Amino acid sequence: AGMDKGAVFTTTAIASFVGTVLMALLAN
């Protein structure tokens, strides 16, 4: 779609990490 592949890779990793950690800490 024209997005930078490296930037999308980094964003995917960070978003997955943050979302999973919040799910564990806040919702258990």
PDB file of all heavy atoms in Angstrom:
ATOM      1  N   ALA A   1       0.822  -1.211   0.000  1.00  0.00           N
ATOM      2  CA  ALA A   1       0.000   0.000   0.000  1.00  0.00           C
ATOM      3  C   ALA A   1       0.854   1.258   0.000  1.00  0.00           C
ATOM      4  O   ALA A   1       0.317   2.372   0.018  1.00  0.00           O
ATOM      5  CB  ALA A   1      -0.932   0.008   1.204  1.00  0.00           C
ATOM      6  N   GLY A   2       2.195   1.094  -0.003  1.00  0.00           N
ATOM      7  CA  GLY A   2       3.090   2.238  -0.040  1.00  0.00           C
ATOM      8  C   GLY A   2       3.750   2.572   1.277  1.00  0.00           C
ATOM      9  O   GLY A   2       4.546   3.507   1.363  1.00  0.00           O
ATOM     10  N   MET A   3       3.452   1.827   2.333  1.00  0.00           N
ATOM     11  CA  MET A   3       4.039   2.103   3.635  1.00  0.00           C
ATOM     12  C   MET A   3       5.439   1.490   3.725  1.00  0.00           C
ATOM     13  O   MET A   3       5.737   0.497   3.057  1.00  0.00           O
ATOM     14  CB  MET A   3       3.143   1.548   4.746  1.00  0.00           C
ATOM     15  CG  MET A   3       1.730   2.094   4.732  1.00  0.00           C
ATOM     16  SD  MET A   3       0.675   1.459   6.065  1.00  0.00           S
ATOM     17  CE  MET A   3       1.425   2.255   7.465  1.00  0.00           C
ATOM     18  N   ASP A   4       6.286   2.101   4.548  1.00  0.00           N
ATOM     19  CA  ASP A   4       7.650   1.621   4.711  1.00  0.00           C
ATOM     20  C   ASP A   4       7.645   0.288   5.458  1.00  0.00           C
ATOM     21  O   ASP A   4       7.098   0.196   6.567  1.00  0.00           O
ATOM     22  CB  ASP A   4       8.480   2.648   5.481  1.00  0.00           C
ATOM     23  CG  ASP A   4       9.922   2.215   5.642  1.00  0.00           C
ATOM     24  OD1 ASP A   4      10.680   2.366   4.663  1.00  0.00           O
ATOM     25  OD2 ASP A   4      10.282   1.728   6.722  1.00  0.00           O
ATOM     26  N   LYS A   5       8.267  -0.730   4.868  1.00  0.00           N
ATOM     27  CA  LYS A   5       8.219  -2.069   5.454  1.00  0.00           C
ATOM     28  C   LYS A   5       8.928  -2.126   6.811  1.00  0.00           C
ATOM     29  O   LYS A   5       8.447  -2.772   7.746  1.00  0.00           O
ATOM     30  CB  LYS A   5       8.839  -3.080   4.494  1.00  0.00           C
ATOM     31  CG  LYS A   5       8.776  -4.522   4.989  1.00  0.00           C
ATOM     32  CD  LYS A   5       9.358  -5.497   3.977  1.00  0.00           C
ATOM     33  CE  LYS A   5       8.481  -5.596   2.756  1.00  0.00           C
ATOM     34  NZ  LYS A   5       8.962  -6.676   1.834  1.00  0.00           N
ATOM     35  N   GLY A   6      10.069  -1.456   6.921  1.00  0.00           N
ATOM     36  CA  GLY A   6      10.799  -1.452   8.192  1.00  0.00           C
ATOM     37  C   GLY A   6      10.026  -0.773   9.294  1.00  0.00           C
ATOM     38  O   GLY A   6       9.998  -1.249  10.439  1.00  0.00           O
ATOM     39  N   ALA A   7       9.389   0.341   8.973  1.00  0.00           N
ATOM     40  CA  ALA A   7       8.597   1.060   9.970  1.00  0.00           C
ATOM     41  C   ALA A   7       7.389   0.238  10.414  1.00  0.00           C
ATOM     42  O   ALA A   7       7.046   0.210  11.599  1.00  0.00           O
ATOM     43  CB  ALA A   7       8.143   2.403   9.406  1.00  0.00           C
ATOM     44  N   VAL A   8       6.757  -0.455   9.463  1.00  0.00           N
ATOM     45  CA  VAL A   8       5.605  -1.289   9.805  1.00  0.00           C
ATOM     46  C   VAL A   8       6.039  -2.460  10.677  1.00  0.00           C
ATOM     47  O   VAL A   8       5.337  -2.831  11.625  1.00  0.00           O
ATOM     48  CB  VAL A   8       4.909  -1.795   8.526  1.00  0.00           C
ATOM     49  CG1 VAL A   8       3.794  -2.772   8.876  1.00  0.00           C
ATOM     50  CG2 VAL A   8       4.342  -0.632   7.729  1.00  0.00           C
ATOM     51  N   PHE A   9       7.204  -3.031  10.375  1.00  0.00           N
ATOM     52  CA  PHE A   9       7.722  -4.139  11.194  1.00  0.00           C
ATOM     53  C   PHE A   9       7.927  -3.694  12.644  1.00  0.00           C
ATOM     54  O   PHE A   9       7.500  -4.372  13.584  1.00  0.00           O
ATOM     55  CB  PHE A   9       9.039  -4.639  10.602  1.00  0.00           C
ATOM     56  CG  PHE A   9       9.694  -5.731  11.405  1.00  0.00           C
ATOM     57  CD1 PHE A   9       9.368  -7.056  11.182  1.00  0.00           C
ATOM     58  CD2 PHE A   9      10.630  -5.426  12.383  1.00  0.00           C
ATOM     59  CE1 PHE A   9       9.962  -8.069  11.926  1.00  0.00           C
ATOM     60  CE2 PHE A   9      11.227  -6.423  13.134  1.00  0.00           C
ATOM     61  CZ  PHE A   9      10.897  -7.753  12.907  1.00  0.00           C
ATOM     62  N   THR A  10       8.575  -2.534  12.807  1.00  0.00           N
ATOM     63  CA  THR A  10       8.836  -2.026  14.164  1.00  0.00           C
ATOM     64  C   THR A  10       7.537  -1.705  14.885  1.00  0.00           C
ATOM     65  O   THR A  10       7.361  -2.042  16.073  1.00  0.00           O
ATOM     66  CB  THR A  10       9.719  -0.773  14.099  1.00  0.00           C
ATOM     67  OG1 THR A  10      10.928  -1.082  13.396  1.00  0.00           O
ATOM     68  CG2 THR A  10      10.056  -0.267  15.485  1.00  0.00           C
ATOM     69  N   THR A  11       6.616  -1.065  14.182  1.00  0.00           N
ATOM     70  CA  THR A  11       5.332  -0.704  14.785  1.00  0.00           C
ATOM     71  C   THR A  11       4.533  -1.943  15.177  1.00  0.00           C
ATOM     72  O   THR A  11       3.896  -1.976  16.246  1.00  0.00           O
ATOM     73  CB  THR A  11       4.513   0.153  13.812  1.00  0.00           C
ATOM     74  OG1 THR A  11       5.274   1.299  13.426  1.00  0.00           O
ATOM     75  CG2 THR A  11       3.213   0.598  14.445  1.00  0.00           C
ATOM     76  N   THR A  12       4.571  -2.964  14.327  1.00  0.00           N
ATOM     77  CA  THR A  12       3.864  -4.210  14.637  1.00  0.00           C
ATOM     78  C   THR A  12       4.404  -4.851  15.901  1.00  0.00           C
ATOM     79  O   THR A  12       3.642  -5.292  16.774  1.00  0.00           O
ATOM     80  CB  THR A  12       3.991  -5.193  13.459  1.00  0.00           C
ATOM     81  OG1 THR A  12       3.451  -4.602  12.269  1.00  0.00           O
ATOM     82  CG2 THR A  12       3.247  -6.488  13.754  1.00  0.00           C
ATOM     83  N   ALA A  13       5.736  -4.886  16.032  1.00  0.00           N
ATOM     84  CA  ALA A  13       6.355  -5.491  17.213  1.00  0.00           C
ATOM     85  C   ALA A  13       6.028  -4.700  18.479  1.00  0.00           C
ATOM     86  O   ALA A  13       5.657  -5.283  19.512  1.00  0.00           O
ATOM     87  CB  ALA A  13       7.865  -5.582  17.022  1.00  0.00           C
ATOM     88  N   ILE A  14       6.145  -3.363  18.405  1.00  0.00           N
ATOM     89  CA  ILE A  14       5.887  -2.531  19.587  1.00  0.00           C
ATOM     90  C   ILE A  14       4.416  -2.592  19.992  1.00  0.00           C
ATOM     91  O   ILE A  14       4.085  -2.740  21.177  1.00  0.00           O
ATOM     92  CB  ILE A  14       6.316  -1.074  19.311  1.00  0.00           C
ATOM     93  CG1 ILE A  14       7.835  -0.991  19.116  1.00  0.00           C
ATOM     94  CG2 ILE A  14       5.876  -0.161  20.452  1.00  0.00           C
ATOM     95  CD1 ILE A  14       8.328   0.381  18.745  1.00  0.00           C
ATOM     96  N   ALA A  15       3.516  -2.505  19.014  1.00  0.00           N
ATOM     97  CA  ALA A  15       2.082  -2.537  19.320  1.00  0.00           C
ATOM     98  C   ALA A  15       1.684  -3.881  19.930  1.00  0.00           C
ATOM     99  O   ALA A  15       0.887  -3.932  20.881  1.00  0.00           O
ATOM    100  CB  ALA A  15       1.276  -2.273  18.055  1.00  0.00           C
ATOM    101  N   SER A  16       2.235  -4.962  19.416  1.00  0.00           N
ATOM    102  CA  SER A  16       1.922  -6.286  19.959  1.00  0.00           C
ATOM    103  C   SER A  16       2.441  -6.425  21.378  1.00  0.00           C
ATOM    104  O   SER A  16       1.756  -6.969  22.262  1.00  0.00           O
ATOM    105  CB  SER A  16       2.532  -7.375  19.073  1.00  0.00           C
ATOM    106  OG  SER A  16       2.055  -7.278  17.752  1.00  0.00           O
ATOM    107  N   PHE A  17       3.652  -5.928  21.620  1.00  0.00           N
ATOM    108  CA  PHE A  17       4.242  -6.013  22.961  1.00  0.00           C
ATOM    109  C   PHE A  17       3.433  -5.200  23.968  1.00  0.00           C
ATOM    110  O   PHE A  17       3.078  -5.699  25.046  1.00  0.00           O
ATOM    111  CB  PHE A  17       5.683  -5.514  22.914  1.00  0.00           C
ATOM    112  CG  PHE A  17       6.325  -5.383  24.270  1.00  0.00           C
ATOM    113  CD1 PHE A  17       6.782  -6.497  24.949  1.00  0.00           C
ATOM    114  CD2 PHE A  17       6.452  -4.137  24.872  1.00  0.00           C
ATOM    115  CE1 PHE A  17       7.359  -6.379  26.215  1.00  0.00           C
ATOM    116  CE2 PHE A  17       7.039  -4.011  26.127  1.00  0.00           C
ATOM    117  CZ  PHE A  17       7.490  -5.134  26.807  1.00  0.00           C
ATOM    118  N   VAL A  18       3.122  -3.948  23.619  1.00  0.00           N
ATOM    119  CA  VAL A  18       2.381  -3.076  24.539  1.00  0.00           C
ATOM    120  C   VAL A  18       0.987  -3.636  24.807  1.00  0.00           C
ATOM    121  O   VAL A  18       0.528  -3.688  25.953  1.00  0.00           O
ATOM    122  CB  VAL A  18       2.303  -1.645  23.975  1.00  0.00           C
ATOM    123  CG1 VAL A  18       1.391  -0.780  24.837  1.00  0.00           C
ATOM    124  CG2 VAL A  18       3.690  -1.029  23.895  1.00  0.00           C
ATOM    125  N   GLY A  19       0.303  -4.066  23.767  1.00  0.00           N
ATOM    126  CA  GLY A  19      -1.041  -4.608  23.936  1.00  0.00           C
ATOM    127  C   GLY A  19      -1.070  -5.857  24.800  1.00  0.00           C
ATOM    128  O   GLY A  19      -1.940  -6.016  25.666  1.00  0.00           O
ATOM    129  N   THR A  20      -0.103  -6.751  24.601  1.00  0.00           N
ATOM    130  CA  THR A  20      -0.050  -7.984  25.380  1.00  0.00           C
ATOM    131  C   THR A  20       0.278  -7.701  26.842  1.00  0.00           C
ATOM    132  O   THR A  20      -0.308  -8.313  27.750  1.00  0.00           O
ATOM    133  CB  THR A  20       0.992  -8.940  24.781  1.00  0.00           C
ATOM    134  OG1 THR A  20       0.670  -9.205  23.406  1.00  0.00           O
ATOM    135  CG2 THR A  20       1.026 -10.255  25.545  1.00  0.00           C
ATOM    136  N   VAL A  21       1.213  -6.784  27.085  1.00  0.00           N
ATOM    137  CA  VAL A  21       1.580  -6.436  28.459  1.00  0.00           C
ATOM    138  C   VAL A  21       0.405  -5.796  29.188  1.00  0.00           C
ATOM    139  O   VAL A  21       0.122  -6.119  30.354  1.00  0.00           O
ATOM    140  CB  VAL A  21       2.811  -5.507  28.467  1.00  0.00           C
ATOM    141  CG1 VAL A  21       3.039  -4.931  29.867  1.00  0.00           C
ATOM    142  CG2 VAL A  21       4.054  -6.248  28.006  1.00  0.00           C
ATOM    143  N   LEU A  22      -0.303  -4.889  28.523  1.00  0.00           N
ATOM    144  CA  LEU A  22      -1.469  -4.260  29.148  1.00  0.00           C
ATOM    145  C   LEU A  22      -2.565  -5.285  29.442  1.00  0.00           C
ATOM    146  O   LEU A  22      -3.242  -5.198  30.478  1.00  0.00           O
ATOM    147  CB  LEU A  22      -2.004  -3.147  28.244  1.00  0.00           C
ATOM    148  CG  LEU A  22      -1.127  -1.903  28.099  1.00  0.00           C
ATOM    149  CD1 LEU A  22      -1.758  -0.913  27.137  1.00  0.00           C
ATOM    150  CD2 LEU A  22      -0.896  -1.243  29.464  1.00  0.00           C
ATOM    151  N   MET A  23      -2.747  -6.228  28.539  1.00  0.00           N
ATOM    152  CA  MET A  23      -3.740  -7.275  28.770  1.00  0.00           C
ATOM    153  C   MET A  23      -3.374  -8.106  29.999  1.00  0.00           C
ATOM    154  O   MET A  23      -4.246  -8.490  30.793  1.00  0.00           O
ATOM    155  CB  MET A  23      -3.850  -8.178  27.537  1.00  0.00           C
ATOM    156  CG  MET A  23      -4.808  -9.340  27.680  1.00  0.00           C
ATOM    157  SD  MET A  23      -6.527  -8.845  27.934  1.00  0.00           S
ATOM    158  CE  MET A  23      -6.935  -8.252  26.290  1.00  0.00           C
ATOM    159  N   ALA A  24      -2.084  -8.354  30.199  1.00  0.00           N
ATOM    160  CA  ALA A  24      -1.639  -9.150  31.338  1.00  0.00           C
ATOM    161  C   ALA A  24      -1.730  -8.372  32.641  1.00  0.00           C
ATOM    162  O   ALA A  24      -2.212  -8.892  33.656  1.00  0.00           O
ATOM    163  CB  ALA A  24      -0.209  -9.636  31.107  1.00  0.00           C
ATOM    164  N   LEU A  25      -1.286  -7.125  32.626  1.00  0.00           N
ATOM    165  CA  LEU A  25      -1.210  -6.346  33.863  1.00  0.00           C
ATOM    166  C   LEU A  25      -2.552  -5.784  34.301  1.00  0.00           C
ATOM    167  O   LEU A  25      -2.856  -5.725  35.498  1.00  0.00           O
ATOM    168  CB  LEU A  25      -0.199  -5.207  33.700  1.00  0.00           C
ATOM    169  CG  LEU A  25       1.257  -5.622  33.442  1.00  0.00           C
ATOM    170  CD1 LEU A  25       2.139  -4.398  33.297  1.00  0.00           C
ATOM    171  CD2 LEU A  25       1.769  -6.538  34.541  1.00  0.00           C
ATOM    172  N   LEU A  26      -3.365  -5.349  33.353  1.00  0.00           N
ATOM    173  CA  LEU A  26      -4.632  -4.711  33.697  1.00  0.00           C
ATOM    174  C   LEU A  26      -5.804  -5.685  33.793  1.00  0.00           C
ATOM    175  O   LEU A  26      -6.668  -5.548  34.656  1.00  0.00           O
ATOM    176  CB  LEU A  26      -4.955  -3.614  32.669  1.00  0.00           C
ATOM    177  CG  LEU A  26      -3.930  -2.473  32.559  1.00  0.00           C
ATOM    178  CD1 LEU A  26      -4.399  -1.452  31.532  1.00  0.00           C
ATOM    179  CD2 LEU A  26      -3.709  -1.805  33.919  1.00  0.00           C
ATOM    180  N   ALA A  27      -5.836  -6.663  32.892  1.00  0.00           N
ATOM    181  CA  ALA A  27      -6.966  -7.600  32.866  1.00  0.00           C
ATOM    182  C   ALA A  27      -6.625  -8.975  33.416  1.00  0.00           C
ATOM    183  O   ALA A  27      -7.526  -9.767  33.695  1.00  0.00           O
ATOM    184  CB  ALA A  27      -7.489  -7.744  31.437  1.00  0.00           C
ATOM    185  N   ASN A  28      -5.317  -9.275  33.545  1.00  0.00           N
ATOM    186  CA  ASN A  28      -4.862 -10.587  34.023  1.00  0.00           C
ATOM    187  C   ASN A  28      -5.415 -11.715  33.159  1.00  0.00           C
ATOM    188  O   ASN A  28      -5.843 -12.763  33.656  1.00  0.00           O
ATOM    189  CB  ASN A  28      -5.252 -10.805  35.488  1.00  0.00           C
ATOM    190  CG  ASN A  28      -4.490 -11.963  36.118  1.00  0.00           C
ATOM    191  OD1 ASN A  28      -3.431 -12.357  35.632  1.00  0.00           O
ATOM    192  ND2 ASN A  28      -5.026 -12.507  37.195  1.00  0.00           N
TER     193      ASN A  28
END
